[in-house]
Amino acid sequence: VFNDLVFSLMNPPIAEMPDPVDYMIELGKRYLDYGINNPEICEILFLISAPMEIEESNQKFWKDNFKMLDLFDYLIVESKKLGYFQKMETTSTALILFGYIHGLILFFIKKKIMTSAENQSETIALIEDDFQVLIKIIKSTKA
């Protein structure tokens, strides 16, 4: 099941993206899309008690068994080299960004979003709008 998530996130490949911020945003979009389109799988993955490690796959980027949070941590480090997140602690920033996306997915899965949305497509549109706010926040951290 987790391999399906990794495959979905990495296909088509985004590892060659030169800008780590663009990579992080694209990864976040794919993660959000996967959660919206596979709520039953994500519910199983997200609600287990131990963190899941990524199994080896054919993707060269995953050869060292990164955990998803480790990937976000790495992307923050790389983004700092380009002037983003300069006054922010790396691991905390990675956790906040990863947690935000994760939280949006969980709100969708558990139908916990308090909105006036009358149907699922309106809820998805609201989640996508919320993700756009996150993108603006990320981009505003550039020095």
C-alpha atoms as a PDB file:
ATOM      1  CA  VAL A   1       0.000   0.000   0.000  1.00  0.00           C
ATOM      2  CA  PHE A   2       2.745   2.461   0.918  1.00  0.00           C
ATOM      3  CA  ASN A   3       4.576   1.636  -2.313  1.00  0.00           C
ATOM      4  CA  ASP A   4       1.468   2.810  -4.202  1.00  0.00           C
ATOM      5  CA  LEU A   5       1.725   6.163  -2.440  1.00  0.00           C
ATOM      6  CA  VAL A   6       5.444   6.477  -3.223  1.00  0.00           C
ATOM      7  CA  PHE A   7       4.815   5.503  -6.854  1.00  0.00           C
ATOM      8  CA  SER A   8       2.048   8.091  -7.111  1.00  0.00           C
ATOM      9  CA  LEU A   9       4.259  10.796  -5.620  1.00  0.00           C
ATOM     10  CA  MET A  10       7.235  10.027  -7.829  1.00  0.00           C
ATOM     11  CA  ASN A  11       5.577   9.439 -11.204  1.00  0.00           C
ATOM     12  CA  PRO A  12       6.183  11.254 -13.355  1.00  0.00           C
ATOM     13  CA  PRO A  13       9.584  11.854 -11.726  1.00  0.00           C
ATOM     14  CA  ILE A  14      10.137  15.163  -9.996  1.00  0.00           C
ATOM     15  CA  ALA A  15      13.549  14.395  -8.495  1.00  0.00           C
ATOM     16  CA  GLU A  16      15.318  16.274 -11.275  1.00  0.00           C
ATOM     17  CA  MET A  17      13.530  19.551 -10.484  1.00  0.00           C
ATOM     18  CA  PRO A  18      16.337  22.077  -9.980  1.00  0.00           C
ATOM     19  CA  ASP A  19      14.394  24.201  -7.485  1.00  0.00           C
ATOM     20  CA  PRO A  20      13.733  22.495  -4.138  1.00  0.00           C
ATOM     21  CA  VAL A  21      10.806  24.843  -3.439  1.00  0.00           C
ATOM     22  CA  ASP A  22       9.111  23.841  -6.692  1.00  0.00           C
ATOM     23  CA  TYR A  23       9.868  20.213  -5.845  1.00  0.00           C
ATOM     24  CA  MET A  24       8.327  20.596  -2.384  1.00  0.00           C
ATOM     25  CA  ILE A  25       5.222  22.297  -3.779  1.00  0.00           C
ATOM     26  CA  GLU A  26       4.775  19.639  -6.478  1.00  0.00           C
ATOM     27  CA  LEU A  27       5.287  16.872  -3.923  1.00  0.00           C
ATOM     28  CA  GLY A  28       2.707  18.515  -1.667  1.00  0.00           C
ATOM     29  CA  LYS A  29       0.205  18.755  -4.545  1.00  0.00           C
ATOM     30  CA  ARG A  30       0.697  15.100  -5.416  1.00  0.00           C
ATOM     31  CA  TYR A  31       0.417  14.059  -1.774  1.00  0.00           C
ATOM     32  CA  LEU A  32      -2.808  16.045  -1.409  1.00  0.00           C
ATOM     33  CA  ASP A  33      -4.234  14.640  -4.654  1.00  0.00           C
ATOM     34  CA  TYR A  34      -3.364  11.097  -3.580  1.00  0.00           C
ATOM     35  CA  GLY A  35      -5.104  11.611  -0.240  1.00  0.00           C
ATOM     36  CA  ILE A  36      -8.244  13.012  -1.851  1.00  0.00           C
ATOM     37  CA  ASN A  37      -8.379  10.232  -4.443  1.00  0.00           C
ATOM     38  CA  ASN A  38      -7.464   7.375  -2.069  1.00  0.00           C
ATOM     39  CA  PRO A  39      -9.054   8.236   1.289  1.00  0.00           C
ATOM     40  CA  GLU A  40      -9.398   4.647   2.479  1.00  0.00           C
ATOM     41  CA  ILE A  41      -5.722   3.873   1.834  1.00  0.00           C
ATOM     42  CA  CYS A  42      -4.566   7.094   3.469  1.00  0.00           C
ATOM     43  CA  GLU A  43      -6.741   6.469   6.481  1.00  0.00           C
ATOM     44  CA  ILE A  44      -4.912   3.179   7.043  1.00  0.00           C
ATOM     45  CA  LEU A  45      -1.488   4.744   6.438  1.00  0.00           C
ATOM     46  CA  PHE A  46      -2.062   7.882   8.504  1.00  0.00           C
ATOM     47  CA  LEU A  47      -3.712   6.317  11.503  1.00  0.00           C
ATOM     48  CA  ILE A  48      -1.210   3.576  12.315  1.00  0.00           C
ATOM     49  CA  SER A  49       0.816   4.108  15.460  1.00  0.00           C
ATOM     50  CA  ALA A  50       4.379   3.755  14.101  1.00  0.00           C
ATOM     51  CA  PRO A  51       5.926   5.853  11.334  1.00  0.00           C
ATOM     52  CA  MET A  52       6.267   4.042   8.038  1.00  0.00           C
ATOM     53  CA  GLU A  53       9.638   3.833   6.382  1.00  0.00           C
ATOM     54  CA  ILE A  54       9.733   3.854   2.622  1.00  0.00           C
ATOM     55  CA  GLU A  55      10.721   0.487   1.199  1.00  0.00           C
ATOM     56  CA  GLU A  56      13.409   0.235  -1.461  1.00  0.00           C
ATOM     57  CA  SER A  57      12.112   0.902  -4.935  1.00  0.00           C
ATOM     58  CA  ASN A  58      13.538   1.530  -8.360  1.00  0.00           C
ATOM     59  CA  GLN A  59      13.521   5.259  -7.785  1.00  0.00           C
ATOM     60  CA  LYS A  60      17.118   6.399  -7.300  1.00  0.00           C
ATOM     61  CA  PHE A  61      16.032   9.126  -4.900  1.00  0.00           C
ATOM     62  CA  TRP A  62      14.508   6.598  -2.477  1.00  0.00           C
ATOM     63  CA  LYS A  63      17.522   4.264  -2.327  1.00  0.00           C
ATOM     64  CA  ASP A  64      18.467   5.411   1.183  1.00  0.00           C
ATOM     65  CA  ASN A  65      15.011   4.664   2.597  1.00  0.00           C
ATOM     66  CA  PHE A  66      13.990   8.263   3.271  1.00  0.00           C
ATOM     67  CA  LYS A  67      10.913   8.800   5.344  1.00  0.00           C
ATOM     68  CA  MET A  68       8.577  11.425   3.931  1.00  0.00           C
ATOM     69  CA  LEU A  69       9.356  13.845   6.751  1.00  0.00           C
ATOM     70  CA  ASP A  70      13.076  13.370   6.105  1.00  0.00           C
ATOM     71  CA  LEU A  71      12.462  14.362   2.506  1.00  0.00           C
ATOM     72  CA  PHE A  72      10.725  17.571   3.592  1.00  0.00           C
ATOM     73  CA  ASP A  73      13.635  18.230   5.968  1.00  0.00           C
ATOM     74  CA  TYR A  74      16.090  17.779   3.091  1.00  0.00           C
ATOM     75  CA  LEU A  75      14.052  20.113   0.878  1.00  0.00           C
ATOM     76  CA  ILE A  76      14.052  22.811   3.575  1.00  0.00           C
ATOM     77  CA  VAL A  77      17.858  22.565   3.818  1.00  0.00           C
ATOM     78  CA  GLU A  78      18.146  22.894   0.038  1.00  0.00           C
ATOM     79  CA  SER A  79      15.612  25.765  -0.028  1.00  0.00           C
ATOM     80  CA  LYS A  80      17.656  27.646   2.562  1.00  0.00           C
ATOM     81  CA  LYS A  81      20.541  27.671   0.089  1.00  0.00           C
ATOM     82  CA  LEU A  82      18.268  29.688  -2.235  1.00  0.00           C
ATOM     83  CA  GLY A  83      17.241  32.166   0.449  1.00  0.00           C
ATOM     84  CA  TYR A  84      14.035  30.592   1.762  1.00  0.00           C
ATOM     85  CA  PHE A  85      13.276  29.868   5.437  1.00  0.00           C
ATOM     86  CA  GLN A  86      16.376  31.779   6.581  1.00  0.00           C
ATOM     87  CA  LYS A  87      15.275  32.454  10.147  1.00  0.00           C
ATOM     88  CA  MET A  88      13.471  29.156  10.648  1.00  0.00           C
ATOM     89  CA  GLU A  89      14.686  25.964  12.254  1.00  0.00           C
ATOM     90  CA  THR A  90      14.885  23.263   9.574  1.00  0.00           C
ATOM     91  CA  THR A  91      13.195  20.272  11.204  1.00  0.00           C
ATOM     92  CA  SER A  92      10.404  22.329  12.763  1.00  0.00           C
ATOM     93  CA  THR A  93       9.677  23.986   9.423  1.00  0.00           C
ATOM     94  CA  ALA A  94       9.623  20.616   7.647  1.00  0.00           C
ATOM     95  CA  LEU A  95       7.228  19.248  10.268  1.00  0.00           C
ATOM     96  CA  ILE A  96       4.933  22.274   9.981  1.00  0.00           C
ATOM     97  CA  LEU A  97       4.743  22.028   6.172  1.00  0.00           C
ATOM     98  CA  PHE A  98       4.346  18.254   6.133  1.00  0.00           C
ATOM     99  CA  GLY A  99       1.810  18.435   8.976  1.00  0.00           C
ATOM    100  CA  TYR A 100      -0.227  21.088   7.186  1.00  0.00           C
ATOM    101  CA  ILE A 101      -0.609  18.933   4.077  1.00  0.00           C
ATOM    102  CA  HIS A 102      -1.192  15.827   6.159  1.00  0.00           C
ATOM    103  CA  GLY A 103      -3.822  17.686   8.183  1.00  0.00           C
ATOM    104  CA  LEU A 104      -5.706  18.824   5.089  1.00  0.00           C
ATOM    105  CA  ILE A 105      -5.885  15.220   3.918  1.00  0.00           C
ATOM    106  CA  LEU A 106      -7.081  14.002   7.316  1.00  0.00           C
ATOM    107  CA  PHE A 107      -9.710  16.740   7.507  1.00  0.00           C
ATOM    108  CA  PHE A 108     -10.975  15.591   4.115  1.00  0.00           C
ATOM    109  CA  ILE A 109     -10.914  11.876   4.987  1.00  0.00           C
ATOM    110  CA  LYS A 110     -12.660  12.350   8.320  1.00  0.00           C
ATOM    111  CA  LYS A 111     -15.031  14.994   6.956  1.00  0.00           C
ATOM    112  CA  LYS A 112     -13.927  17.425   9.666  1.00  0.00           C
ATOM    113  CA  ILE A 113     -13.754  20.586   7.604  1.00  0.00           C
ATOM    114  CA  MET A 114     -16.195  23.081   9.004  1.00  0.00           C
ATOM    115  CA  THR A 115     -17.396  24.910   5.925  1.00  0.00           C
ATOM    116  CA  SER A 116     -20.515  25.847   4.126  1.00  0.00           C
ATOM    117  CA  ALA A 117     -19.480  23.442   1.370  1.00  0.00           C
ATOM    118  CA  GLU A 118     -22.500  21.467   0.332  1.00  0.00           C
ATOM    119  CA  ASN A 119     -20.741  18.741  -1.598  1.00  0.00           C
ATOM    120  CA  GLN A 120     -17.420  16.974  -1.961  1.00  0.00           C
ATOM    121  CA  SER A 121     -16.266  19.027  -4.941  1.00  0.00           C
ATOM    122  CA  GLU A 122     -16.715  22.244  -2.940  1.00  0.00           C
ATOM    123  CA  THR A 123     -14.746  20.720  -0.076  1.00  0.00           C
ATOM    124  CA  ILE A 124     -11.946  19.697  -2.455  1.00  0.00           C
ATOM    125  CA  ALA A 125     -11.908  23.232  -3.903  1.00  0.00           C
ATOM    126  CA  LEU A 126     -11.590  24.645  -0.378  1.00  0.00           C
ATOM    127  CA  ILE A 127      -8.683  22.287   0.383  1.00  0.00           C
ATOM    128  CA  GLU A 128      -6.977  23.283  -2.860  1.00  0.00           C
ATOM    129  CA  ASP A 129      -7.447  26.971  -1.950  1.00  0.00           C
ATOM    130  CA  ASP A 130      -5.916  26.273   1.465  1.00  0.00           C
ATOM    131  CA  PHE A 131      -2.933  24.650  -0.233  1.00  0.00           C
ATOM    132  CA  GLN A 132      -2.496  27.794  -2.356  1.00  0.00           C
ATOM    133  CA  VAL A 133      -2.255  29.775   0.899  1.00  0.00           C
ATOM    134  CA  LEU A 134       0.537  27.440   2.010  1.00  0.00           C
ATOM    135  CA  ILE A 135       2.362  28.074  -1.263  1.00  0.00           C
ATOM    136  CA  LYS A 136       2.119  31.837  -0.691  1.00  0.00           C
ATOM    137  CA  ILE A 137       3.487  31.405   2.832  1.00  0.00           C
ATOM    138  CA  ILE A 138       6.407  29.326   1.541  1.00  0.00           C
ATOM    139  CA  LYS A 139       7.247  31.841  -1.188  1.00  0.00           C
ATOM    140  CA  SER A 140       7.024  34.748   1.270  1.00  0.00           C
ATOM    141  CA  THR A 141       9.921  33.314   3.301  1.00  0.00           C
ATOM    142  CA  LYS A 142      12.480  34.151   0.615  1.00  0.00           C
ATOM    143  CA  ALA A 143      14.944  36.738   1.874  1.00  0.00           C
END
